[in-house]
Amino acid sequence: MLGKFKASAVAALCVTVVGAGLTGCSDESLENWDPLASESRKAEVDRFTGTKKIDVGGKSVNVSCAGGYADGTPVVVLLPGAGDGLDKMAPLQKTLSEKHRVCSYDRLGAGASDQPDGPQDFAAVGKTLTGVLDRVAGDGPVVLVGHSLGGLIAARYAPDHQDRVKGLVLLDATPPTMGGDIKKAIPESATGPAAQLRAQNLAMVQGNNPEKLVIADGEVRSAGGIPVEVVKHGKPYLAAVPQYGQRLEHAWSEGQRKWLALSSRSKLTTAAKSEHYIYVDQPDVAVQAVERVAAQAAK
């Protein structure tokens, strides 16, 4: 979630872009929608190739899929970071589709999907994710691959959907206690770029982001014994933050370790040559992690 730090343009800890004035999504418009009873879950899997718009709870969601579908094998679903559309992960999707069925989508407020109606919580974004999975995987198994905020969403979703989520890959995922971590790493008395970074990210976790998602801190809940690979950045780019950079790097590393509590089969690795965008800096590391988890999930 921490974009590349520059003194002239402070990057967000868990998003790439924080858009002022963008509308968000509440679960109000979806409160009466039961994804488990949706027609899409009952229907056959949509095996389309390319990009198309699908209806999820009355909202248009932009979805892209590639690769062949095989019954019983997991569908890999990519979740980009906040401020990123599915196009950001297109090269990764293309590579993975040589061996797997791979789909990605724009969350409400991102890319070519509809804008949400108001503030969102994790339950609301989870309903949208469920609608997408119903369409592209039906009742079949899935492996969720999330970068930054997408990783946080995947990790929050998996414990409540163990019937379908059979593996997780978290690529420098937003830590589960991001808000508290920022407050501890950068005190309220900070000035200059560090103060700007603190204020920007606290506003962002409170919902001032393109998806209007309130990113509440929480404990890591178990997703059972599914394979989980947590991959963190190896280049200490956060150290560039004046005075508090080392604290931020430490907090981020500790946050990655917290995700190991997701499963008894969790594994933490470091992408030594990567900053935040691991799948861009070292795509081979991301691909290999997904392939390992997908192979285990298929057993």
Protein backbone atom coordinates (compact mmCIF):
# COMPACT_ATOMS: atom_id res chain seq x y z
CA MET A 1 0.00 0.00 0.00
CA LEU A 2 2.86 2.39 0.44
CA GLY A 3 3.50 3.97 -2.92
CA LYS A 4 6.93 5.32 -3.79
CA PHE A 5 7.76 8.16 -1.42
CA LYS A 6 8.73 11.54 -2.81
CA ALA A 7 9.05 14.71 -0.75
CA SER A 8 7.20 16.66 -3.43
CA ALA A 9 4.38 14.17 -3.76
CA VAL A 10 3.64 12.16 -0.66
CA ALA A 11 2.47 8.67 -1.57
CA ALA A 12 -0.37 6.92 0.20
CA LEU A 13 0.42 3.98 2.43
CA CYS A 14 -2.27 1.76 1.05
CA VAL A 15 -3.28 3.39 -2.21
CA THR A 16 -1.53 4.73 -5.24
CA VAL A 17 -3.95 7.58 -5.80
CA VAL A 18 -6.24 9.34 -3.33
CA GLY A 19 -8.90 11.17 -5.31
CA ALA A 20 -10.51 14.16 -3.70
CA GLY A 21 -14.25 14.39 -4.06
CA LEU A 22 -14.73 10.92 -5.52
CA THR A 23 -17.92 9.21 -4.51
CA GLY A 24 -17.85 5.93 -2.63
CA CYS A 25 -20.07 2.96 -2.00
CA SER A 26 -22.12 1.97 0.98
CA ASP A 27 -23.71 -1.38 1.50
CA GLU A 28 -27.08 0.39 1.64
CA SER A 29 -27.82 -0.34 -2.01
CA LEU A 30 -26.85 -3.98 -1.52
CA GLU A 31 -28.37 -4.64 1.91
CA ASN A 32 -31.24 -6.71 0.55
CA TRP A 33 -29.15 -8.61 -1.95
CA ASP A 34 -28.30 -12.16 -0.96
CA PRO A 35 -25.31 -13.29 -3.07
CA LEU A 36 -25.82 -16.92 -2.10
CA ALA A 37 -29.28 -16.83 -3.63
CA SER A 38 -28.28 -14.87 -6.73
CA GLU A 39 -29.06 -16.21 -10.16
CA SER A 40 -25.41 -15.99 -11.11
CA ARG A 41 -24.45 -18.54 -8.44
CA LYS A 42 -27.09 -20.95 -9.72
CA ALA A 43 -26.22 -20.45 -13.37
CA GLU A 44 -23.38 -22.06 -15.26
CA VAL A 45 -19.97 -20.48 -15.05
CA ASP A 46 -19.45 -17.72 -17.60
CA ARG A 47 -16.36 -18.85 -19.52
CA PHE A 48 -15.88 -15.70 -21.55
CA THR A 49 -12.48 -14.44 -22.65
CA GLY A 50 -11.72 -10.72 -22.68
CA THR A 51 -13.41 -7.91 -20.79
CA LYS A 52 -17.10 -7.44 -20.15
CA LYS A 53 -19.47 -5.68 -17.79
CA ILE A 54 -21.54 -7.77 -15.41
CA ASP A 55 -24.35 -6.79 -13.08
CA VAL A 56 -23.68 -7.21 -9.37
CA GLY A 57 -26.41 -6.01 -7.07
CA GLY A 58 -27.58 -3.47 -9.60
CA LYS A 59 -24.09 -2.11 -10.30
CA SER A 60 -22.01 -2.54 -13.46
CA VAL A 61 -18.70 -4.23 -12.65
CA ASN A 62 -15.89 -4.45 -15.20
CA VAL A 63 -14.42 -7.97 -15.34
CA SER A 64 -11.59 -9.48 -17.40
CA CYS A 65 -10.88 -13.20 -17.84
CA ALA A 66 -8.29 -15.22 -19.74
CA GLY A 67 -7.08 -18.80 -19.94
CA GLY A 68 -8.85 -22.14 -20.12
CA TYR A 69 -11.35 -23.36 -17.55
CA ALA A 70 -11.13 -26.87 -16.11
CA ASP A 71 -13.65 -28.29 -13.65
CA GLY A 72 -12.22 -28.77 -10.18
CA THR A 73 -9.18 -26.56 -10.69
CA PRO A 74 -9.14 -23.17 -8.96
CA VAL A 75 -9.86 -19.97 -10.82
CA VAL A 76 -7.21 -17.36 -9.99
CA VAL A 77 -8.76 -13.97 -9.22
CA LEU A 78 -6.55 -10.86 -9.09
CA LEU A 79 -7.36 -7.90 -6.82
CA PRO A 80 -5.34 -4.73 -7.56
CA GLY A 81 -4.46 -2.06 -5.04
CA ALA A 82 -6.58 1.01 -4.40
CA GLY A 83 -6.45 3.53 -7.20
CA ASP A 84 -5.50 0.82 -9.70
CA GLY A 85 -7.77 -0.70 -12.32
CA LEU A 86 -7.60 -4.25 -13.62
CA ASP A 87 -5.38 -3.02 -16.45
CA LYS A 88 -2.53 -2.56 -13.95
CA MET A 89 -2.38 -6.33 -13.40
CA ALA A 90 -3.00 -7.24 -17.06
CA PRO A 91 0.59 -8.41 -17.72
CA LEU A 92 0.45 -10.69 -14.67
CA GLN A 93 -2.94 -12.02 -15.78
CA LYS A 94 -1.62 -12.74 -19.26
CA THR A 95 1.35 -14.71 -17.95
CA LEU A 96 -0.69 -16.71 -15.46
CA SER A 97 -3.36 -17.48 -18.08
CA GLU A 98 -0.89 -19.71 -19.92
CA LYS A 99 -1.54 -22.33 -17.23
CA HIS A 100 -4.60 -21.12 -15.34
CA ARG A 101 -8.02 -19.59 -15.72
CA VAL A 102 -7.42 -16.04 -14.44
CA CYS A 103 -9.87 -13.21 -13.87
CA SER A 104 -9.63 -9.69 -12.49
CA TYR A 105 -12.12 -6.91 -11.92
CA ASP A 106 -12.47 -3.23 -11.14
CA ARG A 107 -14.00 -2.67 -7.73
CA LEU A 108 -16.75 -0.07 -7.45
CA GLY A 109 -15.16 3.35 -7.77
CA ALA A 110 -12.16 2.03 -9.71
CA GLY A 111 -11.42 1.59 -13.40
CA ALA A 112 -14.47 1.12 -15.60
CA SER A 113 -16.87 -0.11 -12.91
CA ASP A 114 -19.74 1.98 -11.57
CA GLN A 115 -19.24 4.49 -8.81
CA PRO A 116 -20.51 3.38 -5.42
CA ASP A 117 -23.39 5.13 -3.70
CA GLY A 118 -21.64 6.10 -0.47
CA PRO A 119 -19.14 4.89 2.14
CA GLN A 120 -18.18 1.22 2.01
CA ASP A 121 -17.06 -1.29 4.58
CA PHE A 122 -15.46 -4.70 4.07
CA ALA A 123 -18.87 -6.37 3.98
CA ALA A 124 -19.89 -4.21 1.04
CA VAL A 125 -16.77 -4.88 -1.03
CA GLY A 126 -17.14 -8.55 -0.09
CA LYS A 127 -20.61 -8.65 -1.63
CA THR A 128 -19.22 -7.30 -4.88
CA LEU A 129 -16.42 -9.86 -4.81
CA THR A 130 -18.95 -12.64 -4.18
CA GLY A 131 -20.98 -11.52 -7.19
CA VAL A 132 -17.89 -11.65 -9.40
CA LEU A 133 -16.89 -15.09 -8.11
CA ASP A 134 -20.41 -16.39 -8.69
CA ARG A 135 -20.10 -15.40 -12.34
CA VAL A 136 -16.54 -16.51 -13.12
CA ALA A 137 -16.18 -19.55 -10.84
CA GLY A 138 -19.67 -20.61 -9.79
CA ASP A 139 -19.37 -23.02 -6.86
CA GLY A 140 -15.81 -23.94 -7.86
CA PRO A 141 -12.62 -23.20 -5.92
CA VAL A 142 -10.76 -19.93 -6.26
CA VAL A 143 -7.33 -18.56 -5.35
CA LEU A 144 -7.32 -14.87 -4.49
CA VAL A 145 -4.23 -12.85 -5.37
CA GLY A 146 -4.26 -9.38 -3.85
CA HIS A 147 -1.83 -6.49 -4.05
CA SER A 148 -1.81 -3.74 -1.41
CA LEU A 149 -5.44 -2.90 -0.52
CA GLY A 150 -6.54 -5.79 -2.74
CA GLY A 151 -4.56 -8.10 -0.48
CA LEU A 152 -6.25 -6.73 2.62
CA ILE A 153 -9.68 -7.25 1.04
CA ALA A 154 -8.79 -10.82 0.04
CA ALA A 155 -7.49 -11.61 3.53
CA ARG A 156 -10.62 -10.22 5.20
CA TYR A 157 -12.87 -12.11 2.78
CA ALA A 158 -11.29 -15.58 2.95
CA PRO A 159 -12.17 -16.55 6.57
CA ASP A 160 -15.90 -16.13 5.88
CA HIS A 161 -15.76 -17.97 2.54
CA GLN A 162 -13.71 -21.08 3.21
CA ASP A 163 -16.12 -23.06 1.03
CA ARG A 164 -14.73 -21.39 -2.08
CA VAL A 165 -11.43 -19.62 -1.25
CA LYS A 166 -8.82 -22.37 -1.35
CA GLY A 167 -5.66 -20.27 -1.43
CA LEU A 168 -4.30 -16.75 -0.96
CA VAL A 169 -1.33 -14.82 -2.33
CA LEU A 170 -0.77 -11.45 -0.65
CA LEU A 171 1.63 -9.16 -2.51
CA ASP A 172 2.79 -6.46 -0.10
CA ALA A 173 -0.73 -6.42 1.29
CA THR A 174 -1.96 -3.57 3.42
CA PRO A 175 -1.37 -4.61 7.05
CA PRO A 176 -4.41 -5.49 9.17
CA THR A 177 -3.76 -2.59 11.57
CA MET A 178 -2.70 0.11 9.13
CA GLY A 179 -4.37 3.03 10.89
CA GLY A 180 -2.83 2.21 14.25
CA ASP A 181 0.54 1.48 12.66
CA ILE A 182 0.68 4.92 11.06
CA LYS A 183 -0.19 6.66 14.33
CA LYS A 184 2.54 4.77 16.16
CA ALA A 185 5.20 5.22 13.49
CA ILE A 186 4.56 8.94 12.89
CA PRO A 187 3.49 10.91 15.97
CA GLU A 188 0.96 13.72 15.83
CA SER A 189 3.78 16.15 16.57
CA ALA A 190 5.53 15.35 13.27
CA THR A 191 6.10 18.16 10.77
CA GLY A 192 6.95 18.44 7.09
CA PRO A 193 6.55 15.54 4.63
CA ALA A 194 6.07 13.01 7.43
CA ALA A 195 3.15 15.00 8.81
CA GLN A 196 1.63 15.17 5.34
CA LEU A 197 2.04 11.44 4.93
CA ARG A 198 0.39 10.80 8.29
CA ALA A 199 -2.56 13.08 7.57
CA GLN A 200 -3.07 11.75 4.06
CA ASN A 201 -3.11 8.13 5.11
CA LEU A 202 -5.28 8.60 8.17
CA ALA A 203 -7.80 10.37 5.94
CA MET A 204 -7.52 7.54 3.45
CA VAL A 205 -8.22 4.77 5.98
CA GLN A 206 -11.22 6.77 7.17
CA GLY A 207 -12.72 6.54 3.68
CA ASN A 208 -11.11 9.33 1.68
CA ASN A 209 -10.09 7.06 -1.18
CA PRO A 210 -11.48 6.32 -4.65
CA GLU A 211 -13.64 3.45 -3.36
CA LYS A 212 -14.82 5.30 -0.25
CA LEU A 213 -13.79 2.23 1.71
CA VAL A 214 -13.42 2.71 5.45
CA ILE A 215 -10.34 0.61 6.18
CA ALA A 216 -10.92 -0.40 9.77
CA ASP A 217 -8.15 -2.07 11.74
CA GLY A 218 -8.90 -5.61 12.91
CA GLU A 219 -7.53 -8.90 14.14
CA VAL A 220 -6.40 -11.51 11.64
CA ARG A 221 -8.93 -14.34 11.54
CA SER A 222 -8.16 -17.87 10.44
CA ALA A 223 -9.09 -19.04 6.95
CA GLY A 224 -8.47 -22.65 7.90
CA GLY A 225 -5.58 -24.67 6.55
CA ILE A 226 -5.47 -23.18 3.06
CA PRO A 227 -2.10 -22.40 1.44
CA VAL A 228 -1.16 -18.76 1.94
CA GLU A 229 1.90 -16.98 0.58
CA VAL A 230 2.70 -13.53 1.94
CA VAL A 231 5.30 -11.69 -0.15
CA LYS A 232 6.73 -8.41 1.13
CA HIS A 233 8.92 -5.84 -0.57
CA GLY A 234 12.68 -6.09 -0.07
CA LYS A 235 13.82 -2.62 -1.11
CA PRO A 236 13.35 -0.33 1.93
CA TYR A 237 11.78 2.52 0.01
CA LEU A 238 9.86 3.73 3.05
CA ALA A 239 13.16 4.67 4.65
CA ALA A 240 13.09 7.77 2.43
CA VAL A 241 10.47 9.30 4.71
CA PRO A 242 12.42 11.85 6.78
CA GLN A 243 13.03 10.90 10.42
CA TYR A 244 10.34 8.21 10.57
CA GLY A 245 11.24 6.02 7.60
CA GLN A 246 12.81 3.21 9.61
CA ARG A 247 9.75 3.07 11.87
CA LEU A 248 7.51 2.77 8.84
CA GLU A 249 9.61 -0.03 7.35
CA HIS A 250 9.52 -1.90 10.65
CA ALA A 251 5.75 -1.44 11.01
CA TRP A 252 5.19 -2.65 7.46
CA SER A 253 7.31 -5.77 7.99
CA GLU A 254 5.51 -6.53 11.24
CA GLY A 255 2.20 -6.09 9.43
CA GLN A 256 3.20 -8.66 6.82
CA ARG A 257 4.08 -11.14 9.57
CA LYS A 258 0.65 -10.67 11.13
CA TRP A 259 -0.94 -12.13 7.99
CA LEU A 260 0.74 -15.47 8.74
CA ALA A 261 -2.04 -16.08 11.27
CA LEU A 262 -4.43 -16.62 8.36
CA SER A 263 -3.50 -20.27 8.07
CA SER A 264 -1.38 -23.06 9.50
CA ARG A 265 0.06 -23.28 5.98
CA SER A 266 1.16 -19.66 5.67
CA LYS A 267 4.57 -18.72 4.32
CA LEU A 268 6.37 -15.36 4.28
CA THR A 269 8.95 -14.48 1.63
CA THR A 270 10.73 -11.31 0.58
CA ALA A 271 10.99 -9.98 -2.97
CA ALA A 272 14.55 -8.70 -2.55
CA LYS A 273 14.58 -6.44 -5.63
CA SER A 274 11.09 -5.01 -5.27
CA GLU A 275 9.48 -1.92 -3.92
CA HIS A 276 5.71 -1.89 -3.37
CA TYR A 277 4.67 -3.17 -6.81
CA ILE A 278 6.18 -6.63 -6.54
CA TYR A 279 4.32 -7.99 -9.56
CA VAL A 280 5.85 -5.17 -11.64
CA ASP A 281 9.38 -5.12 -10.18
CA GLN A 282 9.74 -8.91 -9.98
CA PRO A 283 6.89 -10.53 -11.91
CA ASP A 284 8.58 -13.94 -11.71
CA VAL A 285 8.30 -13.85 -7.91
CA ALA A 286 4.57 -13.13 -8.11
CA VAL A 287 3.98 -15.78 -10.78
CA GLN A 288 5.84 -18.48 -8.88
CA ALA A 289 3.96 -17.72 -5.67
CA VAL A 290 0.61 -17.98 -7.46
CA GLU A 291 1.58 -21.21 -9.18
CA ARG A 292 2.67 -22.81 -5.90
CA VAL A 293 -0.55 -21.86 -4.14
CA ALA A 294 -2.76 -22.86 -7.08
CA ALA A 295 -1.04 -26.27 -7.28
CA GLN A 296 -1.65 -26.87 -3.56
CA ALA A 297 -5.24 -25.65 -3.78
CA ALA A 298 -5.96 -28.12 -6.59
CA LYS A 299 -5.04 -31.15 -4.46
